[in-house]
């Protein structure tokens, strides 16, 4: 019984540690400067529309990186709005994005986004 409990605790710790490690993100700030590329997909006799973006993003140190992400809306994102895009550190892809106010963007990231 103690052996089983020890193995169970170890498995939970390993699984939790792996998920924490893989879930870490780097934040980049982008300005929506175009309407994105319209993407239409069909699945199960339904049509889905979304918009794909490739925009220059800047981290809190002002380091530039091209961010590729999908808007996941049936309409383009609002032009000239700012987003904080969270990208996975240890695997490719964007985890999430959220709209932010320009005043909330770190100073070193603000300059290239004006």
N, C-alpha and C. Protein backbone atom coordinates (compact mmCIF):
# COMPACT_ATOMS: atom_id res chain seq x y z
N UNK A 1 0.83 -1.20 0.00
CA UNK A 1 0.00 0.00 0.00
C UNK A 1 0.87 1.26 0.00
N UNK A 2 1.94 1.27 0.82
CA UNK A 2 2.82 2.43 0.85
C UNK A 2 3.52 2.62 -0.49
N UNK A 3 3.88 1.50 -1.11
CA UNK A 3 4.54 1.57 -2.42
C UNK A 3 3.60 2.20 -3.44
N UNK A 4 2.36 1.74 -3.47
CA UNK A 4 1.38 2.28 -4.40
C UNK A 4 1.15 3.77 -4.16
N UNK A 5 1.04 4.16 -2.90
CA UNK A 5 0.83 5.57 -2.56
C UNK A 5 2.03 6.41 -2.98
N UNK A 6 3.24 5.88 -2.79
CA UNK A 6 4.45 6.60 -3.21
C UNK A 6 4.52 6.77 -4.71
N UNK A 7 4.18 5.74 -5.45
CA UNK A 7 4.17 5.81 -6.91
C UNK A 7 3.10 6.80 -7.39
N UNK A 8 1.95 6.79 -6.75
CA UNK A 8 0.87 7.70 -7.11
C UNK A 8 1.29 9.15 -6.86
N UNK A 9 1.88 9.43 -5.73
CA UNK A 9 2.34 10.79 -5.42
C UNK A 9 3.41 11.23 -6.41
N UNK A 10 4.34 10.36 -6.73
CA UNK A 10 5.39 10.67 -7.70
C UNK A 10 4.79 10.98 -9.07
N UNK A 11 3.82 10.18 -9.49
CA UNK A 11 3.17 10.40 -10.79
C UNK A 11 2.45 11.75 -10.82
N UNK A 12 1.76 12.08 -9.75
CA UNK A 12 1.06 13.37 -9.69
C UNK A 12 2.05 14.51 -9.74
N UNK A 13 3.15 14.43 -9.00
CA UNK A 13 4.17 15.48 -9.01
C UNK A 13 4.81 15.63 -10.39
N UNK A 14 5.14 14.52 -11.03
CA UNK A 14 5.73 14.58 -12.36
C UNK A 14 4.76 15.18 -13.38
N UNK A 15 3.52 14.75 -13.35
CA UNK A 15 2.52 15.27 -14.27
C UNK A 15 2.29 16.76 -14.04
N UNK A 16 2.14 17.16 -12.78
CA UNK A 16 1.93 18.57 -12.46
C UNK A 16 3.13 19.42 -12.84
N UNK A 17 4.34 18.93 -12.58
CA UNK A 17 5.55 19.67 -12.93
C UNK A 17 5.69 19.83 -14.43
N UNK A 18 5.39 18.80 -15.17
CA UNK A 18 5.46 18.86 -16.63
C UNK A 18 4.47 19.88 -17.17
N UNK A 19 3.23 19.85 -16.67
CA UNK A 19 2.22 20.80 -17.14
C UNK A 19 2.60 22.22 -16.79
N UNK A 20 3.15 22.45 -15.61
CA UNK A 20 3.59 23.79 -15.23
C UNK A 20 4.72 24.26 -16.17
N UNK A 21 5.70 23.39 -16.40
CA UNK A 21 6.84 23.74 -17.25
C UNK A 21 6.39 24.06 -18.68
N UNK A 22 5.53 23.24 -19.23
CA UNK A 22 5.09 23.44 -20.61
C UNK A 22 4.10 24.60 -20.74
N UNK A 23 3.47 25.01 -19.65
CA UNK A 23 2.49 26.08 -19.71
C UNK A 23 3.06 27.47 -19.52
N UNK A 24 4.37 27.60 -19.27
CA UNK A 24 4.97 28.91 -19.09
C UNK A 24 4.93 29.70 -20.39
N UNK A 25 4.78 31.02 -20.26
CA UNK A 25 4.64 31.85 -21.46
C UNK A 25 5.55 33.08 -21.41
N UNK A 26 5.81 33.62 -22.58
CA UNK A 26 6.45 34.93 -22.75
C UNK A 26 5.38 35.86 -23.31
N UNK A 27 5.33 37.08 -22.80
CA UNK A 27 4.34 38.05 -23.25
C UNK A 27 4.94 39.02 -24.26
N UNK A 28 4.22 39.25 -25.33
CA UNK A 28 4.60 40.21 -26.37
C UNK A 28 3.42 41.13 -26.60
N UNK A 29 3.72 42.35 -26.98
CA UNK A 29 2.69 43.35 -27.23
C UNK A 29 2.66 43.67 -28.72
N UNK A 30 1.46 43.68 -29.30
CA UNK A 30 1.30 43.94 -30.73
C UNK A 30 0.24 45.00 -30.93
N UNK A 31 0.31 45.66 -32.08
CA UNK A 31 -0.72 46.60 -32.51
C UNK A 31 -1.35 46.02 -33.76
N UNK A 32 -2.66 45.96 -33.78
CA UNK A 32 -3.37 45.43 -34.95
C UNK A 32 -3.28 46.48 -36.07
N UNK A 33 -2.50 46.16 -37.10
CA UNK A 33 -2.25 47.11 -38.19
C UNK A 33 -2.87 46.67 -39.51
N UNK A 34 -3.48 45.48 -39.53
CA UNK A 34 -4.15 45.01 -40.75
C UNK A 34 -5.34 44.16 -40.35
N UNK A 35 -6.16 43.82 -41.33
CA UNK A 35 -7.37 43.04 -41.04
C UNK A 35 -7.12 41.54 -41.00
N UNK A 36 -5.89 41.12 -41.16
CA UNK A 36 -5.58 39.70 -41.13
C UNK A 36 -6.00 38.99 -42.41
N UNK A 37 -5.62 37.74 -42.49
CA UNK A 37 -5.96 36.92 -43.66
C UNK A 37 -7.17 36.06 -43.29
N UNK A 38 -8.21 36.19 -44.09
CA UNK A 38 -9.43 35.43 -43.84
C UNK A 38 -9.18 33.95 -44.09
N UNK A 39 -9.56 33.12 -43.12
CA UNK A 39 -9.39 31.67 -43.21
C UNK A 39 -10.76 31.02 -43.06
N UNK A 40 -11.17 30.26 -44.07
CA UNK A 40 -12.46 29.58 -44.04
C UNK A 40 -12.19 28.08 -44.00
N UNK A 41 -12.75 27.41 -43.00
CA UNK A 41 -12.60 25.96 -42.88
C UNK A 41 -13.98 25.32 -42.82
N UNK A 42 -14.05 24.10 -43.29
CA UNK A 42 -15.31 23.35 -43.26
C UNK A 42 -15.10 22.07 -42.48
N UNK A 43 -16.03 21.80 -41.59
CA UNK A 43 -16.00 20.57 -40.81
C UNK A 43 -17.43 20.18 -40.45
N UNK A 44 -17.75 18.94 -40.62
CA UNK A 44 -19.09 18.43 -40.27
C UNK A 44 -20.21 19.26 -40.88
N UNK A 45 -20.10 19.56 -42.16
CA UNK A 45 -21.10 20.33 -42.90
C UNK A 45 -21.32 21.74 -42.34
N UNK A 46 -20.35 22.26 -41.61
CA UNK A 46 -20.40 23.63 -41.09
C UNK A 46 -19.20 24.40 -41.64
N UNK A 47 -19.39 25.68 -41.84
CA UNK A 47 -18.31 26.54 -42.32
C UNK A 47 -17.90 27.48 -41.19
N UNK A 48 -16.60 27.56 -40.93
CA UNK A 48 -16.07 28.41 -39.88
C UNK A 48 -15.14 29.44 -40.50
N UNK A 49 -15.28 30.68 -40.06
CA UNK A 49 -14.44 31.77 -40.55
C UNK A 49 -13.63 32.32 -39.39
N UNK A 50 -12.35 32.56 -39.64
CA UNK A 50 -11.50 33.21 -38.64
C UNK A 50 -10.47 34.04 -39.41
N UNK A 51 -9.64 34.75 -38.70
CA UNK A 51 -8.64 35.61 -39.32
C UNK A 51 -7.27 35.32 -38.72
N UNK A 52 -6.27 35.13 -39.59
CA UNK A 52 -4.91 34.83 -39.17
C UNK A 52 -4.07 36.11 -39.27
N UNK A 53 -3.21 36.30 -38.30
CA UNK A 53 -2.38 37.51 -38.23
C UNK A 53 -0.91 37.16 -38.11
N UNK A 54 -0.07 37.97 -38.71
CA UNK A 54 1.38 37.96 -38.50
C UNK A 54 1.77 39.40 -38.26
N UNK A 55 2.09 39.70 -37.00
CA UNK A 55 2.38 41.07 -36.60
C UNK A 55 3.68 41.12 -35.80
N UNK A 56 4.33 42.25 -35.84
CA UNK A 56 5.53 42.44 -35.01
C UNK A 56 5.11 42.62 -33.56
N UNK A 57 5.72 41.83 -32.70
CA UNK A 57 5.47 41.92 -31.27
C UNK A 57 6.74 42.31 -30.54
N UNK A 58 6.58 42.94 -29.39
CA UNK A 58 7.72 43.41 -28.60
C UNK A 58 7.51 42.99 -27.15
N UNK A 59 8.56 42.41 -26.55
CA UNK A 59 8.45 42.03 -25.15
C UNK A 59 8.76 43.22 -24.26
N UNK A 60 8.79 43.02 -22.95
CA UNK A 60 8.98 44.13 -22.02
C UNK A 60 10.37 44.76 -22.13
N UNK A 61 11.32 44.07 -22.77
CA UNK A 61 12.65 44.62 -23.00
C UNK A 61 12.77 45.30 -24.36
N UNK A 62 11.69 45.27 -25.15
CA UNK A 62 11.70 45.87 -26.48
C UNK A 62 12.22 44.96 -27.57
N UNK A 63 12.43 43.68 -27.26
CA UNK A 63 12.91 42.71 -28.24
C UNK A 63 11.78 42.36 -29.22
N UNK A 64 12.08 42.45 -30.51
CA UNK A 64 11.08 42.22 -31.55
C UNK A 64 10.98 40.75 -31.91
N UNK A 65 9.76 40.31 -32.18
CA UNK A 65 9.51 38.95 -32.67
C UNK A 65 8.23 38.98 -33.49
N UNK A 66 8.23 38.27 -34.60
CA UNK A 66 7.02 38.19 -35.42
C UNK A 66 6.07 37.18 -34.75
N UNK A 67 4.88 37.65 -34.47
CA UNK A 67 3.88 36.83 -33.80
C UNK A 67 2.84 36.37 -34.82
N UNK A 68 2.63 35.07 -34.90
CA UNK A 68 1.62 34.50 -35.79
C UNK A 68 0.53 33.88 -34.92
N UNK A 69 -0.69 34.33 -35.09
CA UNK A 69 -1.79 33.80 -34.28
C UNK A 69 -3.10 33.95 -35.04
N UNK A 70 -4.10 33.25 -34.56
CA UNK A 70 -5.42 33.24 -35.17
C UNK A 70 -6.37 34.03 -34.28
N UNK A 71 -7.15 34.93 -34.88
CA UNK A 71 -8.08 35.75 -34.12
C UNK A 71 -9.25 34.99 -33.52
N UNK A 72 -9.60 33.84 -34.05
CA UNK A 72 -10.70 33.01 -33.56
C UNK A 72 -12.04 33.73 -33.46
N UNK A 73 -12.23 34.72 -34.30
CA UNK A 73 -13.51 35.42 -34.38
C UNK A 73 -13.97 35.38 -35.83
N UNK A 74 -15.27 35.55 -36.04
CA UNK A 74 -15.79 35.57 -37.40
C UNK A 74 -15.65 36.93 -38.06
N UNK A 75 -15.00 37.85 -37.38
CA UNK A 75 -14.74 39.18 -37.91
C UNK A 75 -13.28 39.52 -37.60
N UNK A 76 -12.71 40.46 -38.33
CA UNK A 76 -11.33 40.86 -38.04
C UNK A 76 -11.24 41.55 -36.68
N UNK A 77 -10.06 41.50 -36.08
CA UNK A 77 -9.83 42.25 -34.85
C UNK A 77 -9.85 43.74 -35.16
N UNK A 78 -10.10 44.55 -34.16
CA UNK A 78 -10.23 46.00 -34.36
C UNK A 78 -8.88 46.61 -34.69
N UNK A 79 -8.85 47.39 -35.77
CA UNK A 79 -7.61 48.06 -36.19
C UNK A 79 -7.15 49.06 -35.13
N UNK A 80 -5.83 49.18 -35.02
CA UNK A 80 -5.17 50.12 -34.12
C UNK A 80 -5.42 49.85 -32.64
N UNK A 81 -5.85 48.64 -32.30
CA UNK A 81 -5.96 48.23 -30.91
C UNK A 81 -4.72 47.44 -30.54
N UNK A 82 -4.44 47.37 -29.25
CA UNK A 82 -3.23 46.70 -28.75
C UNK A 82 -3.60 45.41 -28.04
N UNK A 83 -2.76 44.40 -28.25
CA UNK A 83 -2.97 43.11 -27.61
C UNK A 83 -1.72 42.68 -26.86
N UNK A 84 -1.93 41.96 -25.77
CA UNK A 84 -0.84 41.24 -25.12
C UNK A 84 -0.99 39.79 -25.55
N UNK A 85 0.00 39.29 -26.28
CA UNK A 85 -0.03 37.94 -26.82
C UNK A 85 0.91 37.08 -25.99
N UNK A 86 0.38 36.00 -25.39
CA UNK A 86 1.18 35.10 -24.57
C UNK A 86 1.57 33.88 -25.39
N UNK A 87 2.87 33.72 -25.60
CA UNK A 87 3.40 32.62 -26.41
C UNK A 87 4.06 31.60 -25.49
N UNK A 88 3.86 30.32 -25.78
CA UNK A 88 4.49 29.27 -24.98
C UNK A 88 6.01 29.41 -25.03
N UNK A 89 6.69 29.21 -23.88
CA UNK A 89 8.15 29.28 -23.83
C UNK A 89 8.80 28.02 -24.40
N UNK A 90 8.21 26.86 -24.11
CA UNK A 90 8.88 25.60 -24.40
C UNK A 90 8.26 24.80 -25.53
N UNK A 91 7.32 25.39 -26.23
CA UNK A 91 6.76 24.77 -27.42
C UNK A 91 6.24 25.89 -28.30
N UNK A 92 5.96 25.60 -29.53
CA UNK A 92 5.55 26.66 -30.45
C UNK A 92 4.07 26.95 -30.30
N UNK A 93 3.72 28.18 -30.59
CA UNK A 93 2.32 28.56 -30.60
C UNK A 93 1.96 29.59 -29.56
N UNK A 94 0.84 30.23 -29.80
CA UNK A 94 0.31 31.25 -28.91
C UNK A 94 -0.70 30.60 -27.98
N UNK A 95 -0.56 30.86 -26.69
CA UNK A 95 -1.50 30.31 -25.71
C UNK A 95 -2.78 31.14 -25.68
N UNK A 96 -2.62 32.46 -25.60
CA UNK A 96 -3.78 33.33 -25.50
C UNK A 96 -3.40 34.76 -25.88
N UNK A 97 -4.41 35.57 -26.08
CA UNK A 97 -4.18 37.01 -26.27
C UNK A 97 -5.32 37.76 -25.58
N UNK A 98 -5.02 39.01 -25.21
CA UNK A 98 -6.04 39.86 -24.61
C UNK A 98 -5.77 41.31 -24.98
N UNK A 99 -6.83 42.08 -25.09
CA UNK A 99 -6.68 43.49 -25.41
C UNK A 99 -6.15 44.24 -24.20
N UNK A 100 -5.22 45.17 -24.44
CA UNK A 100 -4.67 46.01 -23.38
C UNK A 100 -4.71 47.47 -23.84
N UNK A 101 -4.67 48.35 -22.88
CA UNK A 101 -4.59 49.78 -23.17
C UNK A 101 -3.13 50.15 -23.41
N UNK A 102 -2.88 51.14 -24.24
CA UNK A 102 -1.52 51.56 -24.55
C UNK A 102 -0.76 51.95 -23.29
N UNK A 103 -1.42 52.57 -22.33
CA UNK A 103 -0.77 53.00 -21.10
C UNK A 103 -0.29 51.81 -20.25
N UNK A 104 -0.84 50.63 -20.47
CA UNK A 104 -0.47 49.44 -19.69
C UNK A 104 0.68 48.65 -20.31
N UNK A 105 1.15 49.07 -21.47
CA UNK A 105 2.26 48.39 -22.15
C UNK A 105 3.58 48.88 -21.55
N UNK A 106 4.54 47.99 -21.29
CA UNK A 106 5.84 48.41 -20.76
C UNK A 106 6.50 49.43 -21.68
N UNK A 107 7.24 50.37 -21.09
CA UNK A 107 7.82 51.50 -21.83
C UNK A 107 8.67 51.07 -23.03
N UNK A 108 9.51 50.05 -22.86
CA UNK A 108 10.40 49.64 -23.96
C UNK A 108 9.63 49.02 -25.12
N UNK A 109 8.44 48.53 -24.88
CA UNK A 109 7.61 47.97 -25.94
C UNK A 109 6.73 49.04 -26.58
N UNK A 110 6.49 50.13 -25.88
CA UNK A 110 5.62 51.19 -26.41
C UNK A 110 6.20 51.89 -27.63
N UNK A 111 7.49 52.24 -27.54
CA UNK A 111 8.12 53.05 -28.59
C UNK A 111 7.92 52.49 -29.99
N UNK A 112 8.22 51.21 -30.24
CA UNK A 112 8.04 50.72 -31.62
C UNK A 112 6.58 50.52 -32.01
N UNK A 113 5.65 50.53 -31.05
CA UNK A 113 4.24 50.28 -31.36
C UNK A 113 3.47 51.56 -31.71
N UNK A 114 4.05 52.72 -31.49
CA UNK A 114 3.32 53.98 -31.75
C UNK A 114 2.97 54.09 -33.16
